[in-house]
Structure formats: C-alpha cells, structure tokens
Amino acid sequence: MKMRPLVVATGAALVSLGAIAGGPQHSQDKASTEASIVREAQSKLRSQGYAATPQGLAEFQQAKGIEASGKLDTQTLAALGVDDPAASGASPERTPQPSGKPKS
C-alpha cells in the first residue's frame, strides 16, 4: 500500500523534468523560428527580383558568387540580410517552398 504514493510522486517528478527540459514546446519554437526565417528569406528574394523558390534562390546564389545549391545556408542568409539566430550553431539547410507568386 505504501508503494502507491511513491509511484505517483515519481511519475509527477518525471513529468516536471520533461517540462523543464523543454519537451514538445522547444521543438514548436524551433519550427516557428525556422518558418519565420524562410518567410523572411522569401520576402527578400522577391524584393530583389527573384522567385521565392529553390530555382530563384539558386539564381540569387549564383549572382552573389555563392554555390548555387538552391538551399538556404548561413552564407546565403547573410547575403540576403536575414538574421539567423541559429547561425552560431549548426543549423540544417532549408529549401524555400514555392509561394505561388511568379517572378516579377
């Protein structure tokens, strides 16, 4: 009988540790930040006359002397003037998805 309160207390402690460690909220914040960066990069591409697509990004990269991968990387974000808060750490490359707007 005395074992039950110990199990409940242990379960509560584990749940609390999950919340402190970042749990699911941390991954949502990261996804939101990455989406914001991609949206800003797409906007900057459009403002410079490029399509907000991987092809448009590759054209921008080529024009700036960056390897034309069609993926957002730290060097491309810097050339676009997009602040990447993850630039100090390893961040995955991102590929902008077509926004449905044609190149101006």
C-alpha atoms as a PDB file:
ATOM      1  CA  MET A   1       0.000   0.000   0.000  1.00  0.00           C
ATOM      2  CA  LYS A   2       2.807   2.454   0.796  1.00  0.00           C
ATOM      3  CA  MET A   3       4.292   1.893  -2.651  1.00  0.00           C
ATOM      4  CA  ARG A   4       1.478   3.735  -4.460  1.00  0.00           C
ATOM      5  CA  PRO A   5       2.383   7.266  -3.211  1.00  0.00           C
ATOM      6  CA  LEU A   6       5.980   6.616  -4.264  1.00  0.00           C
ATOM      7  CA  VAL A   7       4.866   5.703  -7.808  1.00  0.00           C
ATOM      8  CA  VAL A   8       2.671   8.802  -8.049  1.00  0.00           C
ATOM      9  CA  ALA A   9       5.466  11.052  -6.759  1.00  0.00           C
ATOM     10  CA  THR A  10       7.981   9.533  -9.177  1.00  0.00           C
ATOM     11  CA  GLY A  11       5.586   9.990 -12.107  1.00  0.00           C
ATOM     12  CA  ALA A  12       4.975  13.624 -11.186  1.00  0.00           C
ATOM     13  CA  ALA A  13       8.713  14.248 -10.930  1.00  0.00           C
ATOM     14  CA  LEU A  14       9.330  12.770 -14.365  1.00  0.00           C
ATOM     15  CA  VAL A  15       6.588  14.910 -15.919  1.00  0.00           C
ATOM     16  CA  SER A  16       8.090  18.004 -14.279  1.00  0.00           C
ATOM     17  CA  LEU A  17      11.548  17.171 -15.601  1.00  0.00           C
ATOM     18  CA  GLY A  18      10.120  16.845 -19.119  1.00  0.00           C
ATOM     19  CA  ALA A  19       8.605  20.321 -18.877  1.00  0.00           C
ATOM     20  CA  ILE A  20      11.857  21.792 -17.536  1.00  0.00           C
ATOM     21  CA  ALA A  21      13.922  20.099 -20.251  1.00  0.00           C
ATOM     22  CA  GLY A  22      11.960  21.797 -22.999  1.00  0.00           C
ATOM     23  CA  GLY A  23       9.690  18.961 -24.029  1.00  0.00           C
ATOM     24  CA  PRO A  24       7.459  19.474 -27.066  1.00  0.00           C
ATOM     25  CA  GLN A  25       7.311  23.269 -26.653  1.00  0.00           C
ATOM     26  CA  HIS A  26      11.008  23.575 -27.580  1.00  0.00           C
ATOM     27  CA  SER A  27      10.511  21.837 -30.922  1.00  0.00           C
ATOM     28  CA  GLN A  28       7.491  24.032 -31.699  1.00  0.00           C
ATOM     29  CA  ASP A  29       9.535  27.169 -31.002  1.00  0.00           C
ATOM     30  CA  LYS A  30      12.334  25.938 -33.263  1.00  0.00           C
ATOM     31  CA  ALA A  31       9.916  25.136 -36.097  1.00  0.00           C
ATOM     32  CA  SER A  32       8.287  28.544 -35.717  1.00  0.00           C
ATOM     33  CA  THR A  33      11.678  30.275 -35.838  1.00  0.00           C
ATOM     34  CA  GLU A  34      12.747  28.328 -38.921  1.00  0.00           C
ATOM     35  CA  ALA A  35       9.456  29.115 -40.674  1.00  0.00           C
ATOM     36  CA  SER A  36       9.937  32.790 -39.865  1.00  0.00           C
ATOM     37  CA  ILE A  37      13.455  32.729 -41.334  1.00  0.00           C
ATOM     38  CA  VAL A  38      12.235  31.057 -44.527  1.00  0.00           C
ATOM     39  CA  ARG A  39       9.397  33.593 -44.896  1.00  0.00           C
ATOM     40  CA  GLU A  40      11.823  36.487 -44.432  1.00  0.00           C
ATOM     41  CA  ALA A  41      14.257  34.970 -46.966  1.00  0.00           C
ATOM     42  CA  GLN A  42      11.408  34.545 -49.473  1.00  0.00           C
ATOM     43  CA  SER A  43      10.404  38.160 -48.992  1.00  0.00           C
ATOM     44  CA  LYS A  44      13.993  39.359 -49.502  1.00  0.00           C
ATOM     45  CA  LEU A  45      14.329  37.227 -52.636  1.00  0.00           C
ATOM     46  CA  ARG A  46      11.136  38.716 -54.098  1.00  0.00           C
ATOM     47  CA  SER A  47      12.225  42.261 -53.232  1.00  0.00           C
ATOM     48  CA  GLN A  48      15.412  41.667 -55.235  1.00  0.00           C
ATOM     49  CA  GLY A  49      13.523  40.308 -58.255  1.00  0.00           C
ATOM     50  CA  TYR A  50      13.953  36.575 -57.689  1.00  0.00           C
ATOM     51  CA  ALA A  51      11.264  33.923 -57.366  1.00  0.00           C
ATOM     52  CA  ALA A  52      10.782  32.589 -53.836  1.00  0.00           C
ATOM     53  CA  THR A  53      11.573  29.050 -54.990  1.00  0.00           C
ATOM     54  CA  PRO A  54      14.653  26.833 -54.887  1.00  0.00           C
ATOM     55  CA  GLN A  55      15.365  27.865 -58.511  1.00  0.00           C
ATOM     56  CA  GLY A  56      15.075  31.560 -57.653  1.00  0.00           C
ATOM     57  CA  LEU A  57      17.323  31.043 -54.658  1.00  0.00           C
ATOM     58  CA  ALA A  58      19.899  29.254 -56.831  1.00  0.00           C
ATOM     59  CA  GLU A  59      19.835  32.198 -59.269  1.00  0.00           C
ATOM     60  CA  PHE A  60      20.387  34.606 -56.365  1.00  0.00           C
ATOM     61  CA  GLN A  61      23.245  32.476 -55.032  1.00  0.00           C
ATOM     62  CA  GLN A  62      24.889  32.339 -58.449  1.00  0.00           C
ATOM     63  CA  ALA A  63      24.601  36.127 -58.826  1.00  0.00           C
ATOM     64  CA  LYS A  64      26.260  36.599 -55.423  1.00  0.00           C
ATOM     65  CA  GLY A  65      29.057  34.107 -56.106  1.00  0.00           C
ATOM     66  CA  ILE A  66      27.695  31.560 -53.648  1.00  0.00           C
ATOM     67  CA  GLU A  67      27.479  27.867 -54.524  1.00  0.00           C
ATOM     68  CA  ALA A  68      24.099  27.626 -56.270  1.00  0.00           C
ATOM     69  CA  SER A  69      22.535  24.852 -54.180  1.00  0.00           C
ATOM     70  CA  GLY A  70      19.018  26.299 -54.028  1.00  0.00           C
ATOM     71  CA  LYS A  71      19.072  25.795 -50.251  1.00  0.00           C
ATOM     72  CA  LEU A  72      19.219  28.379 -47.503  1.00  0.00           C
ATOM     73  CA  ASP A  73      22.508  28.217 -45.673  1.00  0.00           C
ATOM     74  CA  THR A  74      24.290  30.638 -43.375  1.00  0.00           C
ATOM     75  CA  GLN A  75      26.187  32.339 -46.198  1.00  0.00           C
ATOM     76  CA  THR A  76      23.029  32.815 -48.287  1.00  0.00           C
ATOM     77  CA  LEU A  77      21.055  34.135 -45.317  1.00  0.00           C
ATOM     78  CA  ALA A  78      23.825  36.667 -44.677  1.00  0.00           C
ATOM     79  CA  ALA A  79      23.811  37.733 -48.342  1.00  0.00           C
ATOM     80  CA  LEU A  80      20.035  38.201 -48.131  1.00  0.00           C
ATOM     81  CA  GLY A  81      20.382  40.192 -44.922  1.00  0.00           C
ATOM     82  CA  VAL A  82      18.321  37.697 -42.931  1.00  0.00           C
ATOM     83  CA  ASP A  83      19.275  37.308 -39.279  1.00  0.00           C
ATOM     84  CA  ASP A  84      19.576  33.621 -38.387  1.00  0.00           C
ATOM     85  CA  PRO A  85      19.604  33.184 -34.600  1.00  0.00           C
ATOM     86  CA  ALA A  86      20.887  29.628 -35.066  1.00  0.00           C
ATOM     87  CA  ALA A  87      23.896  30.838 -37.081  1.00  0.00           C
ATOM     88  CA  SER A  88      26.163  30.353 -34.085  1.00  0.00           C
ATOM     89  CA  GLY A  89      25.323  26.644 -34.018  1.00  0.00           C
ATOM     90  CA  ALA A  90      24.809  24.000 -36.642  1.00  0.00           C
ATOM     91  CA  SER A  91      21.519  24.591 -38.399  1.00  0.00           C
ATOM     92  CA  PRO A  92      20.068  22.449 -41.140  1.00  0.00           C
ATOM     93  CA  GLU A  93      19.830  23.795 -44.644  1.00  0.00           C
ATOM     94  CA  ARG A  94      16.360  24.922 -45.613  1.00  0.00           C
ATOM     95  CA  THR A  95      14.788  24.896 -49.049  1.00  0.00           C
ATOM     96  CA  PRO A  96      12.213  27.610 -49.661  1.00  0.00           C
ATOM     97  CA  GLN A  97       8.896  26.269 -50.861  1.00  0.00           C
ATOM     98  CA  PRO A  98       7.200  27.970 -53.804  1.00  0.00           C
ATOM     99  CA  SER A  99       4.910  30.731 -52.594  1.00  0.00           C
ATOM    100  CA  GLY A 100       2.675  30.684 -55.629  1.00  0.00           C
ATOM    101  CA  LYS A 101       3.808  34.101 -56.803  1.00  0.00           C
ATOM    102  CA  PRO A 102       5.595  34.342 -60.155  1.00  0.00           C
ATOM    103  CA  LYS A 103       8.941  36.048 -60.519  1.00  0.00           C
ATOM    104  CA  SER A 104       8.497  39.786 -61.052  1.00  0.00           C
END
